[in-house]
Amino acid sequence: MTAEEQMVKMTTAIKQAIKVMGDRFGSTEEEVARVIQELKASLQGAA
């Protein structure tokens, strides 16, 4: 994965995490956990 592809993946994960956290009352615990896992995975790939 190129640096640009990694940046796009990270940006998408961060935006999704912000959306889920912002819509906390409409999100299930599973959705929040899934988004956090995706964010962690995208950050680990960047390191």
PDB file of N, CA and C in Angstrom:
ATOM      1  N   MET A   1       0.850  -1.183   0.000  1.00  0.00           N
ATOM      2  CA  MET A   1       0.000   0.000   0.000  1.00  0.00           C
ATOM      3  C   MET A   1       0.892   1.241   0.000  1.00  0.00           C
ATOM      4  N   THR A   2       0.580   2.152  -0.899  1.00  0.00           N
ATOM      5  CA  THR A   2       1.385   3.370  -0.976  1.00  0.00           C
ATOM      6  C   THR A   2       1.037   4.314   0.166  1.00  0.00           C
ATOM      7  N   ALA A   3       1.887   5.299   0.375  1.00  0.00           N
ATOM      8  CA  ALA A   3       1.643   6.275   1.432  1.00  0.00           C
ATOM      9  C   ALA A   3       0.333   7.021   1.178  1.00  0.00           C
ATOM     10  N   GLU A   4       0.051   7.319  -0.072  1.00  0.00           N
ATOM     11  CA  GLU A   4      -1.194   8.030  -0.405  1.00  0.00           C
ATOM     12  C   GLU A   4      -2.416   7.163  -0.107  1.00  0.00           C
ATOM     13  N   GLU A   5      -2.349   5.884  -0.447  1.00  0.00           N
ATOM     14  CA  GLU A   5      -3.458   4.977  -0.155  1.00  0.00           C
ATOM     15  C   GLU A   5      -3.655   4.840   1.354  1.00  0.00           C
ATOM     16  N   GLN A   6      -2.563   4.783   2.097  1.00  0.00           N
ATOM     17  CA  GLN A   6      -2.645   4.684   3.552  1.00  0.00           C
ATOM     18  C   GLN A   6      -3.292   5.932   4.134  1.00  0.00           C
ATOM     19  N   MET A   7      -2.927   7.103   3.607  1.00  0.00           N
ATOM     20  CA  MET A   7      -3.488   8.366   4.083  1.00  0.00           C
ATOM     21  C   MET A   7      -4.991   8.414   3.819  1.00  0.00           C
ATOM     22  N   VAL A   8      -5.419   7.938   2.657  1.00  0.00           N
ATOM     23  CA  VAL A   8      -6.842   7.910   2.328  1.00  0.00           C
ATOM     24  C   VAL A   8      -7.575   6.979   3.295  1.00  0.00           C
ATOM     25  N   LYS A   9      -6.989   5.821   3.577  1.00  0.00           N
ATOM     26  CA  LYS A   9      -7.609   4.864   4.492  1.00  0.00           C
ATOM     27  C   LYS A   9      -7.710   5.458   5.895  1.00  0.00           C
ATOM     28  N   MET A  10      -6.659   6.115   6.349  1.00  0.00           N
ATOM     29  CA  MET A  10      -6.675   6.741   7.672  1.00  0.00           C
ATOM     30  C   MET A  10      -7.718   7.848   7.736  1.00  0.00           C
ATOM     31  N   THR A  11      -7.755   8.688   6.708  1.00  0.00           N
ATOM     32  CA  THR A  11      -8.705   9.796   6.673  1.00  0.00           C
ATOM     33  C   THR A  11     -10.141   9.274   6.714  1.00  0.00           C
ATOM     34  N   THR A  12     -10.411   8.225   5.951  1.00  0.00           N
ATOM     35  CA  THR A  12     -11.748   7.636   5.936  1.00  0.00           C
ATOM     36  C   THR A  12     -12.105   7.086   7.313  1.00  0.00           C
ATOM     37  N   ALA A  13     -11.166   6.384   7.940  1.00  0.00           N
ATOM     38  CA  ALA A  13     -11.426   5.805   9.261  1.00  0.00           C
ATOM     39  C   ALA A  13     -11.675   6.898  10.297  1.00  0.00           C
ATOM     40  N   ILE A  14     -10.895   7.969  10.232  1.00  0.00           N
ATOM     41  CA  ILE A  14     -11.061   9.075  11.188  1.00  0.00           C
ATOM     42  C   ILE A  14     -12.414   9.756  10.987  1.00  0.00           C
ATOM     43  N   LYS A  15     -12.773  10.016   9.737  1.00  0.00           N
ATOM     44  CA  LYS A  15     -14.071  10.649   9.452  1.00  0.00           C
ATOM     45  C   LYS A  15     -15.222   9.777   9.938  1.00  0.00           C
ATOM     46  N   GLN A  16     -15.093   8.471   9.722  1.00  0.00           N
ATOM     47  CA  GLN A  16     -16.146   7.557  10.155  1.00  0.00           C
ATOM     48  C   GLN A  16     -16.229   7.527  11.681  1.00  0.00           C
ATOM     49  N   ALA A  17     -15.078   7.532  12.342  1.00  0.00           N
ATOM     50  CA  ALA A  17     -15.069   7.539  13.814  1.00  0.00           C
ATOM     51  C   ALA A  17     -15.715   8.802  14.349  1.00  0.00           C
ATOM     52  N   ILE A  18     -15.397   9.940  13.749  1.00  0.00           N
ATOM     53  CA  ILE A  18     -15.980  11.210  14.185  1.00  0.00           C
ATOM     54  C   ILE A  18     -17.492  11.191  13.980  1.00  0.00           C
ATOM     55  N   LYS A  19     -17.938  10.650  12.837  1.00  0.00           N
ATOM     56  CA  LYS A  19     -19.373  10.589  12.556  1.00  0.00           C
ATOM     57  C   LYS A  19     -20.082   9.727  13.593  1.00  0.00           C
ATOM     58  N   VAL A  20     -19.527   8.549  13.884  1.00  0.00           N
ATOM     59  CA  VAL A  20     -20.162   7.646  14.844  1.00  0.00           C
ATOM     60  C   VAL A  20     -20.174   8.263  16.235  1.00  0.00           C
ATOM     61  N   MET A  21     -19.052   8.877  16.630  1.00  0.00           N
ATOM     62  CA  MET A  21     -18.996   9.495  17.957  1.00  0.00           C
ATOM     63  C   MET A  21     -19.956  10.688  18.040  1.00  0.00           C
ATOM     64  N   GLY A  22     -20.083  11.436  16.950  1.00  0.00           N
ATOM     65  CA  GLY A  22     -20.983  12.583  16.928  1.00  0.00           C
ATOM     66  C   GLY A  22     -22.438  12.157  16.967  1.00  0.00           C
ATOM     67  N   ASP A  23     -22.714  10.978  16.434  1.00  0.00           N
ATOM     68  CA  ASP A  23     -24.079  10.458  16.384  1.00  0.00           C
ATOM     69  C   ASP A  23     -24.220   9.358  17.439  1.00  0.00           C
ATOM     70  N   ARG A  24     -23.651   9.580  18.587  1.00  0.00           N
ATOM     71  CA  ARG A  24     -23.533   8.581  19.641  1.00  0.00           C
ATOM     72  C   ARG A  24     -24.884   7.975  20.030  1.00  0.00           C
ATOM     73  N   PHE A  25     -25.912   8.780  20.098  1.00  0.00           N
ATOM     74  CA  PHE A  25     -27.205   8.273  20.542  1.00  0.00           C
ATOM     75  C   PHE A  25     -27.866   7.383  19.503  1.00  0.00           C
ATOM     76  N   GLY A  26     -27.440   7.511  18.236  1.00  0.00           N
ATOM     77  CA  GLY A  26     -28.000   6.679  17.178  1.00  0.00           C
ATOM     78  C   GLY A  26     -27.124   5.493  16.840  1.00  0.00           C
ATOM     79  N   SER A  27     -25.982   5.364  17.506  1.00  0.00           N
ATOM     80  CA  SER A  27     -25.036   4.301  17.194  1.00  0.00           C
ATOM     81  C   SER A  27     -25.107   3.191  18.243  1.00  0.00           C
ATOM     82  N   THR A  28     -24.935   1.983  17.776  1.00  0.00           N
ATOM     83  CA  THR A  28     -24.901   0.859  18.710  1.00  0.00           C
ATOM     84  C   THR A  28     -23.479   0.671  19.217  1.00  0.00           C
ATOM     85  N   GLU A  29     -23.339  -0.052  20.292  1.00  0.00           N
ATOM     86  CA  GLU A  29     -22.007  -0.335  20.834  1.00  0.00           C
ATOM     87  C   GLU A  29     -21.148  -1.070  19.810  1.00  0.00           C
ATOM     88  N   GLU A  30     -21.775  -1.961  19.029  1.00  0.00           N
ATOM     89  CA  GLU A  30     -21.032  -2.717  18.022  1.00  0.00           C
ATOM     90  C   GLU A  30     -20.485  -1.790  16.946  1.00  0.00           C
ATOM     91  N   GLU A  31     -21.273  -0.805  16.533  1.00  0.00           N
ATOM     92  CA  GLU A  31     -20.801   0.146  15.514  1.00  0.00           C
ATOM     93  C   GLU A  31     -19.612   0.943  16.037  1.00  0.00           C
ATOM     94  N   VAL A  32     -19.703   1.390  17.272  1.00  0.00           N
ATOM     95  CA  VAL A  32     -18.606   2.165  17.867  1.00  0.00           C
ATOM     96  C   VAL A  32     -17.349   1.303  17.963  1.00  0.00           C
ATOM     97  N   ALA A  33     -17.492   0.069  18.426  1.00  0.00           N
ATOM     98  CA  ALA A  33     -16.345  -0.827  18.554  1.00  0.00           C
ATOM     99  C   ALA A  33     -15.726  -1.115  17.188  1.00  0.00           C
ATOM    100  N   ARG A  34     -16.548  -1.317  16.165  1.00  0.00           N
ATOM    101  CA  ARG A  34     -16.045  -1.601  14.821  1.00  0.00           C
ATOM    102  C   ARG A  34     -15.261  -0.423  14.271  1.00  0.00           C
ATOM    103  N   VAL A  35     -15.792   0.782  14.441  1.00  0.00           N
ATOM    104  CA  VAL A  35     -15.116   1.973  13.933  1.00  0.00           C
ATOM    105  C   VAL A  35     -13.787   2.185  14.659  1.00  0.00           C
ATOM    106  N   ILE A  36     -13.769   1.959  15.966  1.00  0.00           N
ATOM    107  CA  ILE A  36     -12.527   2.116  16.730  1.00  0.00           C
ATOM    108  C   ILE A  36     -11.489   1.102  16.238  1.00  0.00           C
ATOM    109  N   GLN A  37     -11.918  -0.134  15.972  1.00  0.00           N
ATOM    110  CA  GLN A  37     -10.988  -1.152  15.465  1.00  0.00           C
ATOM    111  C   GLN A  37     -10.440  -0.752  14.104  1.00  0.00           C
ATOM    112  N   GLU A  38     -11.292  -0.220  13.224  1.00  0.00           N
ATOM    113  CA  GLU A  38     -10.840   0.218  11.899  1.00  0.00           C
ATOM    114  C   GLU A  38      -9.834   1.362  12.035  1.00  0.00           C
ATOM    115  N   LEU A  39     -10.100   2.264  12.947  1.00  0.00           N
ATOM    116  CA  LEU A  39      -9.181   3.380  13.173  1.00  0.00           C
ATOM    117  C   LEU A  39      -7.834   2.869  13.683  1.00  0.00           C
ATOM    118  N   LYS A  40      -7.870   1.956  14.648  1.00  0.00           N
ATOM    119  CA  LYS A  40      -6.622   1.381  15.169  1.00  0.00           C
ATOM    120  C   LYS A  40      -5.844   0.679  14.056  1.00  0.00           C
ATOM    121  N   ALA A  41      -6.544  -0.075  13.221  1.00  0.00           N
ATOM    122  CA  ALA A  41      -5.888  -0.797  12.138  1.00  0.00           C
ATOM    123  C   ALA A  41      -5.240   0.173  11.143  1.00  0.00           C
ATOM    124  N   SER A  42      -5.906   1.269  10.848  1.00  0.00           N
ATOM    125  CA  SER A  42      -5.348   2.230   9.897  1.00  0.00           C
ATOM    126  C   SER A  42      -4.129   2.930  10.492  1.00  0.00           C
ATOM    127  N   LEU A  43      -4.160   3.177  11.787  1.00  0.00           N
ATOM    128  CA  LEU A  43      -3.015   3.827  12.436  1.00  0.00           C
ATOM    129  C   LEU A  43      -1.825   2.879  12.555  1.00  0.00           C
ATOM    130  N   GLN A  44      -2.074   1.601  12.794  1.00  0.00           N
ATOM    131  CA  GLN A  44      -0.987   0.630  12.871  1.00  0.00           C
ATOM    132  C   GLN A  44      -0.310   0.465  11.530  1.00  0.00           C
ATOM    133  N   GLY A  45      -1.067   0.554  10.467  1.00  0.00           N
ATOM    134  CA  GLY A  45      -0.488   0.453   9.130  1.00  0.00           C
ATOM    135  C   GLY A  45       0.402   1.626   8.777  1.00  0.00           C
ATOM    136  N   ALA A  46       0.172   2.762   9.422  1.00  0.00           N
ATOM    137  CA  ALA A  46       0.962   3.963   9.140  1.00  0.00           C
ATOM    138  C   ALA A  46       2.272   3.975   9.890  1.00  0.00           C
ATOM    139  N   ALA A  47       2.331   3.235  10.983  1.00  0.00           N
ATOM    140  CA  ALA A  47       3.530   3.264  11.835  1.00  0.00           C
ATOM    141  C   ALA A  47       4.681   2.497  11.232  1.00  0.00           C
TER     142      ALA A  47
END
